[in-house]
N, C-alpha and C. Protein backbone atom coordinates (compact mmCIF):
# COMPACT_ATOMS: atom_id res chain seq x y z
N VAL A 1 -21.36 -4.45 20.06
CA VAL A 1 -21.00 -3.80 21.31
C VAL A 1 -22.27 -3.40 22.08
N ALA A 2 -22.16 -3.76 23.43
CA ALA A 2 -23.22 -3.39 24.27
C ALA A 2 -22.56 -2.77 25.57
N ALA A 3 -23.17 -1.68 25.91
CA ALA A 3 -22.83 -0.96 27.13
C ALA A 3 -23.75 -1.11 28.09
N VAL A 4 -23.58 -1.27 29.36
CA VAL A 4 -24.42 -1.44 30.58
C VAL A 4 -23.91 -0.46 31.66
N GLU A 5 -25.01 0.11 32.24
CA GLU A 5 -24.61 0.88 33.40
C GLU A 5 -25.64 0.57 34.43
N ASN A 6 -25.29 0.59 35.71
CA ASN A 6 -26.14 0.37 36.83
C ASN A 6 -27.05 1.72 36.94
N PRO A 7 -28.40 1.72 36.59
CA PRO A 7 -29.19 2.82 36.60
C PRO A 7 -29.41 3.47 37.86
N LYS A 8 -29.34 2.72 39.11
CA LYS A 8 -29.77 3.21 40.33
C LYS A 8 -28.65 4.20 40.90
N ARG A 9 -27.34 3.91 40.67
CA ARG A 9 -26.33 4.74 41.14
C ARG A 9 -25.56 5.57 39.97
N LYS A 10 -26.34 5.88 39.11
CA LYS A 10 -25.65 6.53 37.85
C LYS A 10 -25.10 7.82 38.31
N MET A 11 -25.59 8.55 39.19
CA MET A 11 -25.02 9.99 39.66
C MET A 11 -23.95 9.77 40.76
N GLU A 12 -23.87 8.61 41.39
CA GLU A 12 -22.86 8.34 42.49
C GLU A 12 -21.78 7.70 42.01
N LYS A 13 -20.70 8.28 41.39
CA LYS A 13 -19.75 7.65 40.73
C LYS A 13 -18.71 7.13 41.74
N LYS A 14 -18.70 7.66 42.91
CA LYS A 14 -17.85 7.19 43.97
C LYS A 14 -18.37 6.01 44.90
N SER A 15 -19.60 5.72 44.56
CA SER A 15 -20.25 4.78 45.28
C SER A 15 -19.71 3.31 45.08
N LYS A 16 -19.66 2.43 45.93
CA LYS A 16 -19.21 1.08 45.78
C LYS A 16 -20.14 0.28 44.78
N GLU A 17 -21.38 0.73 44.73
CA GLU A 17 -22.37 0.04 43.91
C GLU A 17 -22.40 0.48 42.38
N PHE A 18 -21.52 1.48 42.01
CA PHE A 18 -21.39 2.04 40.76
C PHE A 18 -20.92 0.97 39.75
N MET A 19 -21.61 0.61 38.73
CA MET A 19 -21.09 -0.37 37.81
C MET A 19 -21.25 -0.01 36.32
N ARG A 20 -20.30 -0.29 35.65
CA ARG A 20 -20.32 -0.20 34.11
C ARG A 20 -19.70 -1.44 33.50
N ALA A 21 -20.18 -1.87 32.40
CA ALA A 21 -19.71 -2.96 31.67
C ALA A 21 -19.72 -2.66 30.13
N LEU A 22 -18.81 -3.25 29.39
CA LEU A 22 -18.73 -2.88 27.96
C LEU A 22 -18.43 -4.36 27.46
N VAL A 23 -19.29 -4.97 26.56
CA VAL A 23 -19.24 -6.22 26.01
C VAL A 23 -19.18 -6.11 24.53
N VAL A 24 -18.04 -6.69 24.00
CA VAL A 24 -17.73 -6.73 22.67
C VAL A 24 -17.85 -8.11 22.11
N ALA A 25 -18.53 -8.35 21.07
CA ALA A 25 -18.66 -9.67 20.54
C ALA A 25 -17.29 -10.30 19.71
N ASP A 26 -16.40 -9.37 19.52
CA ASP A 26 -15.01 -9.95 18.92
C ASP A 26 -13.94 -9.94 19.93
N ALA A 27 -13.36 -11.13 20.16
CA ALA A 27 -12.41 -11.43 21.14
C ALA A 27 -11.16 -10.65 20.75
N ASP A 28 -10.79 -10.19 19.53
CA ASP A 28 -9.48 -9.57 19.39
C ASP A 28 -9.80 -8.08 18.84
N VAL A 29 -10.67 -7.50 19.52
CA VAL A 29 -11.10 -6.09 19.26
C VAL A 29 -9.93 -5.16 19.36
N ALA A 30 -9.14 -5.56 20.47
CA ALA A 30 -8.02 -4.62 20.78
C ALA A 30 -6.82 -5.14 20.32
N GLY A 31 -6.66 -6.07 19.52
CA GLY A 31 -5.55 -6.62 18.84
C GLY A 31 -4.72 -5.63 18.03
N ASP A 32 -3.53 -5.85 17.89
CA ASP A 32 -2.36 -5.02 17.20
C ASP A 32 -2.88 -4.72 15.97
N GLY A 33 -3.31 -5.73 15.16
CA GLY A 33 -3.74 -5.51 13.70
C GLY A 33 -4.90 -4.54 13.49
N LEU A 34 -5.89 -4.59 14.52
CA LEU A 34 -6.97 -3.62 14.39
C LEU A 34 -6.73 -2.20 14.97
N MET A 35 -5.60 -2.09 15.72
CA MET A 35 -5.41 -0.81 16.30
C MET A 35 -4.73 0.07 15.30
N ARG A 36 -4.36 -0.36 14.21
CA ARG A 36 -3.67 0.41 13.14
C ARG A 36 -4.85 1.38 12.58
N ASN A 37 -5.99 1.11 12.68
CA ASN A 37 -6.99 1.81 12.17
C ASN A 37 -7.35 2.97 13.23
N PRO A 38 -7.33 4.17 12.79
CA PRO A 38 -7.47 5.28 13.92
C PRO A 38 -8.97 5.20 14.50
N GLY A 39 -9.98 4.71 13.68
CA GLY A 39 -11.32 4.57 14.33
C GLY A 39 -11.36 3.56 15.41
N ASN A 40 -10.62 2.55 15.36
CA ASN A 40 -10.71 1.38 16.30
C ASN A 40 -9.84 1.98 17.59
N ALA A 41 -8.83 2.58 17.40
CA ALA A 41 -8.16 3.17 18.40
C ALA A 41 -8.91 4.31 19.28
N TYR A 42 -9.60 5.05 18.60
CA TYR A 42 -10.54 5.96 19.24
C TYR A 42 -11.66 5.31 19.93
N PHE A 43 -12.24 4.21 19.44
CA PHE A 43 -13.18 3.58 20.04
C PHE A 43 -12.72 2.88 21.35
N MET A 44 -11.62 2.29 21.35
CA MET A 44 -11.05 1.70 22.56
C MET A 44 -10.76 2.64 23.60
N MET A 45 -10.11 3.77 23.30
CA MET A 45 -9.83 4.94 24.23
C MET A 45 -11.04 5.46 24.84
N ASP A 46 -12.07 5.74 24.04
CA ASP A 46 -13.37 6.23 24.52
C ASP A 46 -13.97 5.25 25.38
N ALA A 47 -14.03 3.88 24.92
CA ALA A 47 -14.61 2.83 25.79
C ALA A 47 -13.84 2.72 27.27
N PHE A 48 -12.60 2.71 27.17
CA PHE A 48 -11.84 2.69 28.49
C PHE A 48 -12.20 3.90 29.34
N ASN A 49 -12.25 5.16 28.70
CA ASN A 49 -12.48 6.42 29.51
C ASN A 49 -13.85 6.30 30.04
N TRP A 50 -14.88 5.70 29.25
CA TRP A 50 -16.33 5.55 29.69
C TRP A 50 -16.27 4.54 31.01
N LEU A 51 -15.67 3.45 30.91
CA LEU A 51 -15.55 2.50 31.85
C LEU A 51 -15.00 2.97 33.24
N ILE A 52 -14.02 3.84 33.19
CA ILE A 52 -13.47 4.49 34.46
C ILE A 52 -14.17 5.65 34.77
N ALA A 53 -15.27 5.95 34.13
CA ALA A 53 -16.19 7.06 34.31
C ALA A 53 -15.33 8.53 34.19
N GLU A 54 -14.43 8.47 33.15
CA GLU A 54 -13.69 9.59 32.88
C GLU A 54 -14.51 10.27 31.75
N GLU A 55 -14.90 11.53 31.93
CA GLU A 55 -15.82 12.21 31.00
C GLU A 55 -15.18 12.97 29.96
N ASN A 56 -13.88 12.84 29.87
CA ASN A 56 -13.16 13.56 28.95
C ASN A 56 -13.13 12.64 27.55
N GLU A 57 -13.44 13.20 26.50
CA GLU A 57 -13.35 12.59 25.23
C GLU A 57 -12.16 12.87 24.51
N LEU A 58 -11.80 12.00 23.56
CA LEU A 58 -10.51 12.33 22.84
C LEU A 58 -10.77 13.41 21.97
N GLY A 59 -11.95 13.87 21.58
CA GLY A 59 -12.17 14.88 20.64
C GLY A 59 -12.76 14.38 19.25
N ALA A 60 -13.01 15.21 18.49
CA ALA A 60 -13.53 14.89 17.25
C ALA A 60 -12.35 14.31 16.23
N ILE A 61 -12.79 13.52 15.31
CA ILE A 61 -11.82 12.92 14.29
C ILE A 61 -11.67 13.94 13.26
N GLU A 62 -10.39 14.26 13.07
CA GLU A 62 -10.18 15.37 12.10
C GLU A 62 -10.40 14.88 10.59
N SER A 63 -9.89 13.78 10.34
CA SER A 63 -10.09 13.24 8.84
C SER A 63 -10.09 11.68 8.93
N GLU A 64 -11.17 11.38 8.52
CA GLU A 64 -11.48 9.94 8.51
C GLU A 64 -11.90 9.50 7.12
N GLU A 65 -10.99 9.39 6.11
CA GLU A 65 -11.38 9.15 4.91
C GLU A 65 -11.52 7.68 4.39
N ASP A 66 -12.62 7.45 3.68
CA ASP A 66 -13.02 6.17 3.12
C ASP A 66 -11.91 5.78 2.01
N VAL A 67 -11.31 4.74 2.08
CA VAL A 67 -10.39 4.37 1.12
C VAL A 67 -11.21 3.77 -0.04
N ALA A 68 -10.96 4.33 -1.31
CA ALA A 68 -11.73 3.91 -2.43
C ALA A 68 -11.29 2.63 -2.90
N LEU A 69 -12.24 1.71 -3.24
CA LEU A 69 -11.97 0.28 -3.74
C LEU A 69 -11.75 0.40 -5.07
N VAL A 70 -10.76 -0.21 -5.57
CA VAL A 70 -10.15 -0.15 -7.06
C VAL A 70 -10.60 -1.57 -7.52
N HIS A 71 -11.41 -1.72 -8.40
CA HIS A 71 -11.78 -3.05 -9.10
C HIS A 71 -11.01 -2.99 -10.56
N ARG A 72 -10.43 -4.15 -10.68
CA ARG A 72 -9.84 -4.37 -12.14
C ARG A 72 -10.61 -5.45 -12.62
N ARG A 73 -11.16 -5.27 -13.89
CA ARG A 73 -12.02 -6.30 -14.50
C ARG A 73 -11.44 -7.54 -14.65
N ASP A 74 -10.19 -7.41 -15.17
CA ASP A 74 -9.48 -8.78 -15.70
C ASP A 74 -9.19 -9.67 -14.42
N GLU A 75 -8.83 -8.93 -13.27
CA GLU A 75 -8.59 -9.74 -12.10
C GLU A 75 -9.88 -10.28 -11.40
N ASP A 76 -10.89 -9.52 -11.49
CA ASP A 76 -12.10 -9.70 -10.92
C ASP A 76 -12.90 -10.78 -11.68
N VAL A 77 -12.72 -10.88 -12.98
CA VAL A 77 -13.46 -11.91 -13.67
C VAL A 77 -12.85 -13.29 -13.23
N VAL A 78 -11.46 -13.30 -13.22
CA VAL A 78 -10.93 -14.57 -12.84
C VAL A 78 -11.30 -15.20 -11.44
N TRP A 79 -11.27 -14.24 -10.37
CA TRP A 79 -11.79 -14.65 -9.02
C TRP A 79 -13.22 -14.88 -8.95
N PHE A 80 -13.99 -14.16 -9.70
CA PHE A 80 -15.43 -14.45 -9.64
C PHE A 80 -15.81 -15.80 -10.29
N TYR A 81 -15.37 -16.00 -11.45
CA TYR A 81 -15.73 -17.41 -12.06
C TYR A 81 -15.07 -18.58 -11.39
N GLY A 82 -13.93 -18.22 -10.90
CA GLY A 82 -13.08 -19.22 -10.17
C GLY A 82 -13.71 -19.73 -8.89
N THR A 83 -14.25 -18.81 -8.21
CA THR A 83 -14.84 -19.12 -6.87
C THR A 83 -16.26 -19.50 -7.02
N SER A 84 -17.04 -19.13 -8.06
CA SER A 84 -18.33 -19.27 -8.08
C SER A 84 -18.76 -20.46 -9.05
N ILE A 85 -17.84 -20.89 -9.99
CA ILE A 85 -18.12 -21.87 -10.93
C ILE A 85 -17.08 -23.00 -10.88
N LEU A 86 -15.75 -22.59 -11.16
CA LEU A 86 -14.63 -23.63 -11.28
C LEU A 86 -14.44 -24.54 -10.01
N ILE A 87 -14.38 -23.83 -8.88
CA ILE A 87 -14.03 -24.57 -7.65
C ILE A 87 -15.24 -25.59 -7.29
N PRO A 88 -16.49 -25.05 -7.27
CA PRO A 88 -17.69 -25.85 -6.91
C PRO A 88 -17.79 -26.98 -8.12
N ALA A 89 -17.53 -26.61 -9.24
CA ALA A 89 -17.57 -27.75 -10.33
C ALA A 89 -16.53 -28.74 -10.06
N ALA A 90 -15.31 -28.45 -9.55
CA ALA A 90 -14.15 -29.36 -9.50
C ALA A 90 -14.69 -30.35 -8.22
N ILE A 91 -15.19 -29.59 -7.18
CA ILE A 91 -15.56 -30.37 -5.94
C ILE A 91 -16.70 -31.34 -6.50
N LEU A 92 -17.76 -30.94 -7.17
CA LEU A 92 -18.77 -31.72 -7.51
C LEU A 92 -18.18 -32.94 -8.47
N PHE A 93 -17.38 -32.71 -9.49
CA PHE A 93 -16.83 -33.87 -10.16
C PHE A 93 -16.00 -34.76 -9.46
N ALA A 94 -15.21 -34.12 -8.42
CA ALA A 94 -14.44 -35.12 -7.64
C ALA A 94 -15.43 -36.08 -6.83
N GLY A 95 -16.35 -35.47 -6.23
CA GLY A 95 -17.39 -36.26 -5.54
C GLY A 95 -18.09 -37.38 -6.35
N VAL A 96 -18.40 -37.03 -7.46
CA VAL A 96 -19.21 -38.03 -8.48
C VAL A 96 -18.09 -39.02 -8.71
N PHE A 97 -16.86 -38.76 -9.19
CA PHE A 97 -15.70 -39.67 -9.50
C PHE A 97 -15.45 -40.56 -8.35
N ILE A 98 -15.36 -40.09 -7.18
CA ILE A 98 -15.08 -40.92 -5.91
C ILE A 98 -16.23 -41.88 -5.69
N THR A 99 -17.45 -41.41 -5.78
CA THR A 99 -18.65 -42.34 -5.42
C THR A 99 -18.86 -43.36 -6.52
N ARG A 100 -18.62 -43.07 -7.68
CA ARG A 100 -18.81 -44.03 -8.79
C ARG A 100 -17.62 -45.02 -8.72
N LYS A 101 -16.59 -44.55 -8.26
CA LYS A 101 -15.32 -45.58 -8.18
C LYS A 101 -15.72 -46.51 -6.98
N ARG A 102 -16.20 -46.04 -5.91
CA ARG A 102 -16.70 -46.84 -4.71
C ARG A 102 -17.79 -47.73 -5.15
N GLN A 103 -18.79 -47.38 -5.94
CA GLN A 103 -19.89 -48.14 -6.33
C GLN A 103 -19.39 -49.28 -7.22
N ARG A 104 -18.32 -49.07 -8.17
CA ARG A 104 -17.78 -50.12 -9.01
C ARG A 104 -17.01 -51.14 -8.17
N LYS A 105 -16.32 -50.83 -7.07
CA LYS A 105 -15.72 -51.68 -6.32
C LYS A 105 -16.77 -52.55 -5.53
N ARG A 106 -17.81 -52.02 -5.09
CA ARG A 106 -18.69 -52.83 -4.46
C ARG A 106 -19.44 -53.75 -5.36
N ASN A 107 -19.76 -53.42 -6.65
CA ASN A 107 -20.36 -54.22 -7.59
C ASN A 107 -19.49 -55.29 -8.10
N HIS A 108 -18.20 -55.05 -8.28
CA HIS A 108 -17.18 -55.99 -8.67
C HIS A 108 -16.46 -56.73 -7.76
N GLY A 109 -16.70 -56.31 -6.60
CA GLY A 109 -15.91 -56.73 -5.56
C GLY A 109 -15.96 -58.04 -4.80
C-alpha cells in the first residue's frame, strides 16, 4: 500500500488543489472474502476516511487474536512428501517416458 498526499496544500483541505491517493497492489483488497477479517475492514474504513480528509478514526481494535495453527503430523507428512517428492518424480518420469517414446518413433520410423 502506498499513500500519497499533495505536500503544498496539506493544510488547506478545502482547496481545489488538495490531493490524496491510496494505491493498493491487490485488485480485490475490498472483496467480500477479505472483508470478513476485521483487520481488513478497519483498514478499508480508515483508508476511506483518510482519502476524504475525515480525521475521525474507527478507534482501537479491542481484540485481534492470532489463530493458532494446528499441525497434524500424519496429514502433514503425506502433503509434504507428496508435493516435494511424489508429484515432481511423477512429472519427471512422465517426461522421460514421453521423450523416449518419441525418440523410438524417430529411430524406427
